[in-house]
Amino acid sequence: MKPRGFSATMAHVNPARDAVNLFPTAPYGGRVIGELIRRLDPRARTVWECACGPGMLAHGLRDHFEAVYLSDFVQYGAHRIFDFVRDPEDHVPFEADWIATNPPFDLVEEFVRLALARARRGVAMLVRLQLLEGQERHQLLYDDCRYYAVAPFSERLPLVMGCWDPDASSAAAYAVFLWLKDGVGPRIRPPHPYVIDIPPGTKARLSRPSDLQFAAMRAAA
């Protein structure tokens, strides 16, 4: 039985919330990102979720890191208020080995550039696979901020506006893009970014009963 309100993860404290680009991520997506980061960088200990929303992705990340720092420009809970793109550099609230988030798609380029400047070891971005398209994003991904690997979900990862619904389906394809800072990972880098498979069955393997309980708790907050 699903707890009452399990999918109602919209913020309750922001009167303009309907205008916010909020697509909460299933916690198992956070565990996928955690596994990918630890696979590429076993020394990673801390991660900053800089567009945390109600904390669904961070709930999964906590399985893999000693500390998970949370921030967002909207108040959804007990996290630091910080606009990752617009707030000044001297207000940056955290230093972390990695920055990992599901950023607003129209601000992906800004998030990638700033995250690479602020993270100590690497960056993971959960975005639509569509990021690979377009001339401007080609410049970003292959010249200015060359990514190390991309991990597409074989099972679709549904993202729903304003809530997390574990029964939702999606026609959109999502993937985790990963960047490694200099000195992190293999000494000899591959000549081209490579693909890491997220195989079928990952959702079942990495989903936990606590995910629904956490969602219900956040909805009641």
C-alpha atoms as a PDB file:
ATOM      1  CA  MET A   1       0.000   0.000   0.000  1.00  0.00           C
ATOM      2  CA  LYS A   2       1.326   3.448  -0.894  1.00  0.00           C
ATOM      3  CA  PRO A   3       1.355   6.046   1.880  1.00  0.00           C
ATOM      4  CA  ARG A   4      -1.230   8.764   1.508  1.00  0.00           C
ATOM      5  CA  GLY A   5       0.189  11.730  -0.363  1.00  0.00           C
ATOM      6  CA  PHE A   6       3.215   9.793  -1.643  1.00  0.00           C
ATOM      7  CA  SER A   7       3.287  11.698  -4.937  1.00  0.00           C
ATOM      8  CA  ALA A   8       2.433  15.175  -3.636  1.00  0.00           C
ATOM      9  CA  THR A   9       5.940  16.543  -3.360  1.00  0.00           C
ATOM     10  CA  MET A  10       5.160  20.081  -4.549  1.00  0.00           C
ATOM     11  CA  ALA A  11       6.396  22.842  -2.259  1.00  0.00           C
ATOM     12  CA  HIS A  12       3.738  24.277   0.042  1.00  0.00           C
ATOM     13  CA  VAL A  13       5.514  27.438   1.125  1.00  0.00           C
ATOM     14  CA  ASN A  14       6.070  29.274  -2.148  1.00  0.00           C
ATOM     15  CA  PRO A  15       3.039  31.127  -3.547  1.00  0.00           C
ATOM     16  CA  ALA A  16       4.626  31.174  -7.012  1.00  0.00           C
ATOM     17  CA  ARG A  17       5.355  27.443  -6.987  1.00  0.00           C
ATOM     18  CA  ASP A  18       3.288  26.720 -10.104  1.00  0.00           C
ATOM     19  CA  ALA A  19       5.731  28.813 -12.103  1.00  0.00           C
ATOM     20  CA  VAL A  20       8.754  26.906 -10.821  1.00  0.00           C
ATOM     21  CA  ASN A  21      10.378  24.369 -13.112  1.00  0.00           C
ATOM     22  CA  LEU A  22      10.098  21.517 -10.593  1.00  0.00           C
ATOM     23  CA  PHE A  23      10.462  17.902 -11.735  1.00  0.00           C
ATOM     24  CA  PRO A  24      11.284  15.773  -8.662  1.00  0.00           C
ATOM     25  CA  THR A  25      13.513  12.782  -9.399  1.00  0.00           C
ATOM     26  CA  ALA A  26      12.744   9.260  -8.245  1.00  0.00           C
ATOM     27  CA  PRO A  27      15.166   8.429  -5.405  1.00  0.00           C
ATOM     28  CA  TYR A  28      16.464   5.409  -7.289  1.00  0.00           C
ATOM     29  CA  GLY A  29      17.768   7.913  -9.858  1.00  0.00           C
ATOM     30  CA  GLY A  30      19.891   9.400  -7.082  1.00  0.00           C
ATOM     31  CA  ARG A  31      21.243   5.944  -6.265  1.00  0.00           C
ATOM     32  CA  VAL A  32      22.109   5.453  -9.939  1.00  0.00           C
ATOM     33  CA  ILE A  33      24.060   8.715  -9.889  1.00  0.00           C
ATOM     34  CA  GLY A  34      25.773   7.684  -6.647  1.00  0.00           C
ATOM     35  CA  GLU A  35      26.858   4.372  -8.151  1.00  0.00           C
ATOM     36  CA  LEU A  36      28.166   6.069 -11.286  1.00  0.00           C
ATOM     37  CA  ILE A  37      30.167   8.612  -9.317  1.00  0.00           C
ATOM     38  CA  ARG A  38      31.697   5.993  -7.022  1.00  0.00           C
ATOM     39  CA  ARG A  39      32.532   3.828 -10.049  1.00  0.00           C
ATOM     40  CA  LEU A  40      34.460   6.660 -11.699  1.00  0.00           C
ATOM     41  CA  ASP A  41      35.795   8.264  -8.514  1.00  0.00           C
ATOM     42  CA  PRO A  42      36.019   5.891  -5.520  1.00  0.00           C
ATOM     43  CA  ARG A  43      37.558   8.718  -3.459  1.00  0.00           C
ATOM     44  CA  ALA A  44      34.414  10.864  -3.653  1.00  0.00           C
ATOM     45  CA  ARG A  45      33.055  11.530  -0.174  1.00  0.00           C
ATOM     46  CA  THR A  46      30.762  14.561  -0.420  1.00  0.00           C
ATOM     47  CA  VAL A  47      28.174  15.762  -2.931  1.00  0.00           C
ATOM     48  CA  TRP A  48      26.193  18.976  -3.322  1.00  0.00           C
ATOM     49  CA  GLU A  49      22.662  18.751  -4.748  1.00  0.00           C
ATOM     50  CA  CYS A  50      22.307  22.344  -5.879  1.00  0.00           C
ATOM     51  CA  ALA A  51      18.722  22.255  -7.248  1.00  0.00           C
ATOM     52  CA  CYS A  52      17.340  19.910  -4.628  1.00  0.00           C
ATOM     53  CA  GLY A  53      13.609  20.690  -4.726  1.00  0.00           C
ATOM     54  CA  PRO A  54      11.878  18.559  -2.082  1.00  0.00           C
ATOM     55  CA  GLY A  55      14.976  16.340  -1.792  1.00  0.00           C
ATOM     56  CA  MET A  56      13.954  13.216  -3.686  1.00  0.00           C
ATOM     57  CA  LEU A  57      17.199  12.804  -5.632  1.00  0.00           C
ATOM     58  CA  ALA A  58      19.233  13.625  -2.517  1.00  0.00           C
ATOM     59  CA  HIS A  59      17.389  10.889  -0.615  1.00  0.00           C
ATOM     60  CA  GLY A  60      18.974   8.390  -3.009  1.00  0.00           C
ATOM     61  CA  LEU A  61      22.389  10.055  -3.000  1.00  0.00           C
ATOM     62  CA  ARG A  62      22.660   9.618   0.772  1.00  0.00           C
ATOM     63  CA  ASP A  63      23.238   5.892   0.297  1.00  0.00           C
ATOM     64  CA  HIS A  64      26.625   6.607  -1.274  1.00  0.00           C
ATOM     65  CA  PHE A  65      28.222   9.632   0.391  1.00  0.00           C
ATOM     66  CA  GLU A  66      29.385  10.707   3.813  1.00  0.00           C
ATOM     67  CA  ALA A  67      27.696  14.090   3.379  1.00  0.00           C
ATOM     68  CA  VAL A  68      25.024  15.385   0.994  1.00  0.00           C
ATOM     69  CA  TYR A  69      24.574  19.174   0.933  1.00  0.00           C
ATOM     70  CA  LEU A  70      21.268  20.638  -0.270  1.00  0.00           C
ATOM     71  CA  SER A  71      20.373  23.995  -1.769  1.00  0.00           C
ATOM     72  CA  ASP A  72      17.728  25.518  -4.029  1.00  0.00           C
ATOM     73  CA  PHE A  73      16.510  29.002  -4.860  1.00  0.00           C
ATOM     74  CA  VAL A  74      13.005  28.101  -3.588  1.00  0.00           C
ATOM     75  CA  GLN A  75      12.286  27.026  -0.018  1.00  0.00           C
ATOM     76  CA  TYR A  76      11.038  23.432  -0.090  1.00  0.00           C
ATOM     77  CA  GLY A  77      12.333  22.288   3.293  1.00  0.00           C
ATOM     78  CA  ALA A  78      15.353  22.401   5.554  1.00  0.00           C
ATOM     79  CA  HIS A  79      17.922  23.274   2.898  1.00  0.00           C
ATOM     80  CA  ARG A  80      20.070  26.306   2.105  1.00  0.00           C
ATOM     81  CA  ILE A  81      18.508  29.001  -0.062  1.00  0.00           C
ATOM     82  CA  PHE A  82      20.895  29.661  -2.928  1.00  0.00           C
ATOM     83  CA  ASP A  83      20.296  30.494  -6.577  1.00  0.00           C
ATOM     84  CA  PHE A  84      23.021  28.437  -8.237  1.00  0.00           C
ATOM     85  CA  VAL A  85      23.036  30.531 -11.415  1.00  0.00           C
ATOM     86  CA  ARG A  86      22.354  34.069 -10.206  1.00  0.00           C
ATOM     87  CA  ASP A  87      23.723  34.421  -6.664  1.00  0.00           C
ATOM     88  CA  PRO A  88      27.232  35.917  -6.387  1.00  0.00           C
ATOM     89  CA  GLU A  89      30.274  33.702  -6.056  1.00  0.00           C
ATOM     90  CA  ASP A  90      31.105  34.958  -2.574  1.00  0.00           C
ATOM     91  CA  HIS A  91      27.747  33.559  -1.371  1.00  0.00           C
ATOM     92  CA  VAL A  92      28.430  29.956  -2.478  1.00  0.00           C
ATOM     93  CA  PRO A  93      27.371  27.950   0.588  1.00  0.00           C
ATOM     94  CA  PHE A  94      29.210  24.640   0.144  1.00  0.00           C
ATOM     95  CA  GLU A  95      32.395  23.007  -1.052  1.00  0.00           C
ATOM     96  CA  ALA A  96      31.979  19.404  -2.154  1.00  0.00           C
ATOM     97  CA  ASP A  97      33.833  16.739  -4.067  1.00  0.00           C
ATOM     98  CA  TRP A  98      30.980  16.427  -6.562  1.00  0.00           C
ATOM     99  CA  ILE A  99      27.998  18.459  -7.658  1.00  0.00           C
ATOM    100  CA  ALA A 100      25.057  16.333  -8.796  1.00  0.00           C
ATOM    101  CA  THR A 101      21.592  17.536  -9.728  1.00  0.00           C
ATOM    102  CA  ASN A 102      18.649  17.488 -12.109  1.00  0.00           C
ATOM    103  CA  PRO A 103      18.911  21.078 -13.390  1.00  0.00           C
ATOM    104  CA  PRO A 104      16.276  23.107 -15.256  1.00  0.00           C
ATOM    105  CA  PHE A 105      16.818  22.067 -18.865  1.00  0.00           C
ATOM    106  CA  ASP A 106      16.846  25.639 -20.143  1.00  0.00           C
ATOM    107  CA  LEU A 107      19.722  26.412 -17.744  1.00  0.00           C
ATOM    108  CA  VAL A 108      21.808  23.289 -18.320  1.00  0.00           C
ATOM    109  CA  GLU A 109      24.725  25.160 -19.869  1.00  0.00           C
ATOM    110  CA  GLU A 110      24.922  27.623 -16.978  1.00  0.00           C
ATOM    111  CA  PHE A 111      24.694  24.811 -14.412  1.00  0.00           C
ATOM    112  CA  VAL A 112      27.419  22.762 -16.123  1.00  0.00           C
ATOM    113  CA  ARG A 113      29.874  25.653 -16.359  1.00  0.00           C
ATOM    114  CA  LEU A 114      29.336  26.800 -12.775  1.00  0.00           C
ATOM    115  CA  ALA A 115      29.331  23.279 -11.356  1.00  0.00           C
ATOM    116  CA  LEU A 116      32.656  22.494 -12.993  1.00  0.00           C
ATOM    117  CA  ALA A 117      34.114  25.648 -11.497  1.00  0.00           C
ATOM    118  CA  ARG A 118      32.745  24.906  -7.999  1.00  0.00           C
ATOM    119  CA  ALA A 119      33.114  21.126  -7.605  1.00  0.00           C
ATOM    120  CA  ARG A 120      36.414  19.709  -6.388  1.00  0.00           C
ATOM    121  CA  ARG A 121      36.345  16.406  -8.282  1.00  0.00           C
ATOM    122  CA  GLY A 122      33.445  16.067 -10.707  1.00  0.00           C
ATOM    123  CA  VAL A 123      29.940  16.873 -11.894  1.00  0.00           C
ATOM    124  CA  ALA A 124      26.919  14.685 -12.646  1.00  0.00           C
ATOM    125  CA  MET A 125      23.859  16.110 -14.400  1.00  0.00           C
ATOM    126  CA  LEU A 126      20.608  14.230 -14.929  1.00  0.00           C
ATOM    127  CA  VAL A 127      19.144  15.710 -18.114  1.00  0.00           C
ATOM    128  CA  ARG A 128      17.287  14.755 -21.245  1.00  0.00           C
ATOM    129  CA  LEU A 129      19.371  12.844 -23.771  1.00  0.00           C
ATOM    130  CA  GLN A 130      18.374  15.643 -26.129  1.00  0.00           C
ATOM    131  CA  LEU A 131      21.335  17.540 -24.660  1.00  0.00           C
ATOM    132  CA  LEU A 132      23.468  15.805 -27.301  1.00  0.00           C
ATOM    133  CA  GLU A 133      21.648  17.722 -30.049  1.00  0.00           C
ATOM    134  CA  GLY A 134      22.372  21.213 -31.317  1.00  0.00           C
ATOM    135  CA  GLN A 135      25.389  23.211 -32.402  1.00  0.00           C
ATOM    136  CA  GLU A 136      25.684  25.355 -29.275  1.00  0.00           C
ATOM    137  CA  ARG A 137      25.539  22.344 -26.969  1.00  0.00           C
ATOM    138  CA  HIS A 138      28.100  20.571 -29.144  1.00  0.00           C
ATOM    139  CA  GLN A 139      30.421  23.470 -28.348  1.00  0.00           C
ATOM    140  CA  LEU A 140      29.672  23.041 -24.651  1.00  0.00           C
ATOM    141  CA  LEU A 141      30.044  19.242 -24.511  1.00  0.00           C
ATOM    142  CA  TYR A 142      33.012  18.708 -26.794  1.00  0.00           C
ATOM    143  CA  ASP A 143      35.033  21.914 -26.579  1.00  0.00           C
ATOM    144  CA  ASP A 144      34.363  24.164 -23.593  1.00  0.00           C
ATOM    145  CA  CYS A 145      33.301  21.526 -21.015  1.00  0.00           C
ATOM    146  CA  ARG A 146      34.114  18.164 -22.526  1.00  0.00           C
ATOM    147  CA  TYR A 147      32.106  15.486 -20.759  1.00  0.00           C
ATOM    148  CA  TYR A 148      33.686  12.180 -19.732  1.00  0.00           C
ATOM    149  CA  ALA A 149      30.758   9.767 -20.075  1.00  0.00           C
ATOM    150  CA  VAL A 150      27.009   9.569 -20.571  1.00  0.00           C
ATOM    151  CA  ALA A 151      24.766   6.960 -18.952  1.00  0.00           C
ATOM    152  CA  PRO A 152      21.312   6.632 -20.559  1.00  0.00           C
ATOM    153  CA  PHE A 153      18.513   4.836 -18.729  1.00  0.00           C
ATOM    154  CA  SER A 154      17.425   1.670 -20.552  1.00  0.00           C
ATOM    155  CA  GLU A 155      14.197   1.895 -18.537  1.00  0.00           C
ATOM    156  CA  ARG A 156      12.627   5.320 -18.922  1.00  0.00           C
ATOM    157  CA  LEU A 157      12.936   7.529 -15.844  1.00  0.00           C
ATOM    158  CA  PRO A 158       9.637   9.457 -15.696  1.00  0.00           C
ATOM    159  CA  LEU A 159       9.817  13.049 -14.426  1.00  0.00           C
ATOM    160  CA  VAL A 160       6.461  14.699 -13.711  1.00  0.00           C
ATOM    161  CA  MET A 161       5.924  18.432 -13.262  1.00  0.00           C
ATOM    162  CA  GLY A 162       5.469  19.253  -9.603  1.00  0.00           C
ATOM    163  CA  CYS A 163       5.452  15.745  -8.106  1.00  0.00           C
ATOM    164  CA  TRP A 164       7.019  12.316  -8.035  1.00  0.00           C
ATOM    165  CA  ASP A 165       4.689   9.594  -9.284  1.00  0.00           C
ATOM    166  CA  PRO A 166       6.328   6.123  -9.195  1.00  0.00           C
ATOM    167  CA  ASP A 167       3.632   4.766 -11.528  1.00  0.00           C
ATOM    168  CA  ALA A 168       4.131   7.384 -14.244  1.00  0.00           C
ATOM    169  CA  SER A 169       5.486   6.575 -17.698  1.00  0.00           C
ATOM    170  CA  SER A 170       7.439   8.798 -20.039  1.00  0.00           C
ATOM    171  CA  ALA A 171       8.296   9.157 -23.710  1.00  0.00           C
ATOM    172  CA  ALA A 172      11.294  11.356 -22.862  1.00  0.00           C
ATOM    173  CA  ALA A 173      14.741   9.771 -22.651  1.00  0.00           C
ATOM    174  CA  TYR A 174      16.974  10.843 -19.751  1.00  0.00           C
ATOM    175  CA  ALA A 175      20.635  10.218 -19.071  1.00  0.00           C
ATOM    176  CA  VAL A 176      23.330  11.084 -16.556  1.00  0.00           C
ATOM    177  CA  PHE A 177      26.172  13.147 -18.015  1.00  0.00           C
ATOM    178  CA  LEU A 178      29.438  13.031 -16.073  1.00  0.00           C
ATOM    179  CA  TRP A 179      32.467  15.319 -16.019  1.00  0.00           C
ATOM    180  CA  LEU A 180      35.758  14.602 -14.226  1.00  0.00           C
ATOM    181  CA  LYS A 181      38.049  17.361 -13.051  1.00  0.00           C
ATOM    182  CA  ASP A 182      41.746  17.225 -13.938  1.00  0.00           C
ATOM    183  CA  GLY A 183      43.568  14.611 -11.863  1.00  0.00           C
ATOM    184  CA  VAL A 184      40.420  12.558 -11.170  1.00  0.00           C
ATOM    185  CA  GLY A 185      39.899   9.155 -12.764  1.00  0.00           C
ATOM    186  CA  PRO A 186      42.175   7.368 -15.225  1.00  0.00           C
ATOM    187  CA  ARG A 187      45.471   9.080 -15.947  1.00  0.00           C
ATOM    188  CA  ILE A 188      44.998   8.441 -19.670  1.00  0.00           C
ATOM    189  CA  ARG A 189      41.610   9.718 -20.786  1.00  0.00           C
ATOM    190  CA  PRO A 190      39.718   8.025 -23.639  1.00  0.00           C
ATOM    191  CA  PRO A 191      39.808   9.978 -26.909  1.00  0.00           C
ATOM    192  CA  HIS A 192      36.026  10.242 -26.929  1.00  0.00           C
ATOM    193  CA  PRO A 193      33.305  10.294 -24.270  1.00  0.00           C
ATOM    194  CA  TYR A 194      31.906   6.851 -23.716  1.00  0.00           C
ATOM    195  CA  VAL A 195      28.542   5.308 -22.851  1.00  0.00           C
ATOM    196  CA  ILE A 196      27.810   3.574 -19.542  1.00  0.00           C
ATOM    197  CA  ASP A 197      24.803   1.274 -19.620  1.00  0.00           C
ATOM    198  CA  ILE A 198      22.049   1.623 -17.002  1.00  0.00           C
ATOM    199  CA  PRO A 199      20.447  -1.770 -17.680  1.00  0.00           C
ATOM    200  CA  PRO A 200      16.856  -2.949 -17.335  1.00  0.00           C
ATOM    201  CA  GLY A 201      16.053  -3.978 -13.793  1.00  0.00           C
ATOM    202  CA  THR A 202      17.884  -1.030 -12.233  1.00  0.00           C
ATOM    203  CA  LYS A 203      14.667   0.559 -10.975  1.00  0.00           C
ATOM    204  CA  ALA A 204      13.684  -2.614  -9.101  1.00  0.00           C
ATOM    205  CA  ARG A 205      17.207  -3.137  -7.768  1.00  0.00           C
ATOM    206  CA  LEU A 206      17.629   0.387  -6.409  1.00  0.00           C
ATOM    207  CA  SER A 207      14.109   1.274  -5.245  1.00  0.00           C
ATOM    208  CA  ARG A 208      13.520   1.132  -1.479  1.00  0.00           C
ATOM    209  CA  PRO A 209      10.391   1.114   0.714  1.00  0.00           C
ATOM    210  CA  SER A 210      11.788   4.232   2.373  1.00  0.00           C
ATOM    211  CA  ASP A 211      11.322   6.151  -0.897  1.00  0.00           C
ATOM    212  CA  LEU A 212       7.533   6.190  -0.622  1.00  0.00           C
ATOM    213  CA  GLN A 213       7.737   6.942   3.084  1.00  0.00           C
ATOM    214  CA  PHE A 214      10.087   9.853   2.413  1.00  0.00           C
ATOM    215  CA  ALA A 215       7.780  11.231  -0.289  1.00  0.00           C
ATOM    216  CA  ALA A 216       4.777  11.048   2.023  1.00  0.00           C
ATOM    217  CA  MET A 217       6.738  12.768   4.795  1.00  0.00           C
ATOM    218  CA  ARG A 218       7.780  15.587   2.464  1.00  0.00           C
ATOM    219  CA  ALA A 219       4.193  16.004   1.237  1.00  0.00           C
ATOM    220  CA  ALA A 220       2.987  16.361   4.826  1.00  0.00           C
ATOM    221  CA  ALA A 221       5.704  18.861   5.794  1.00  0.00           C
END
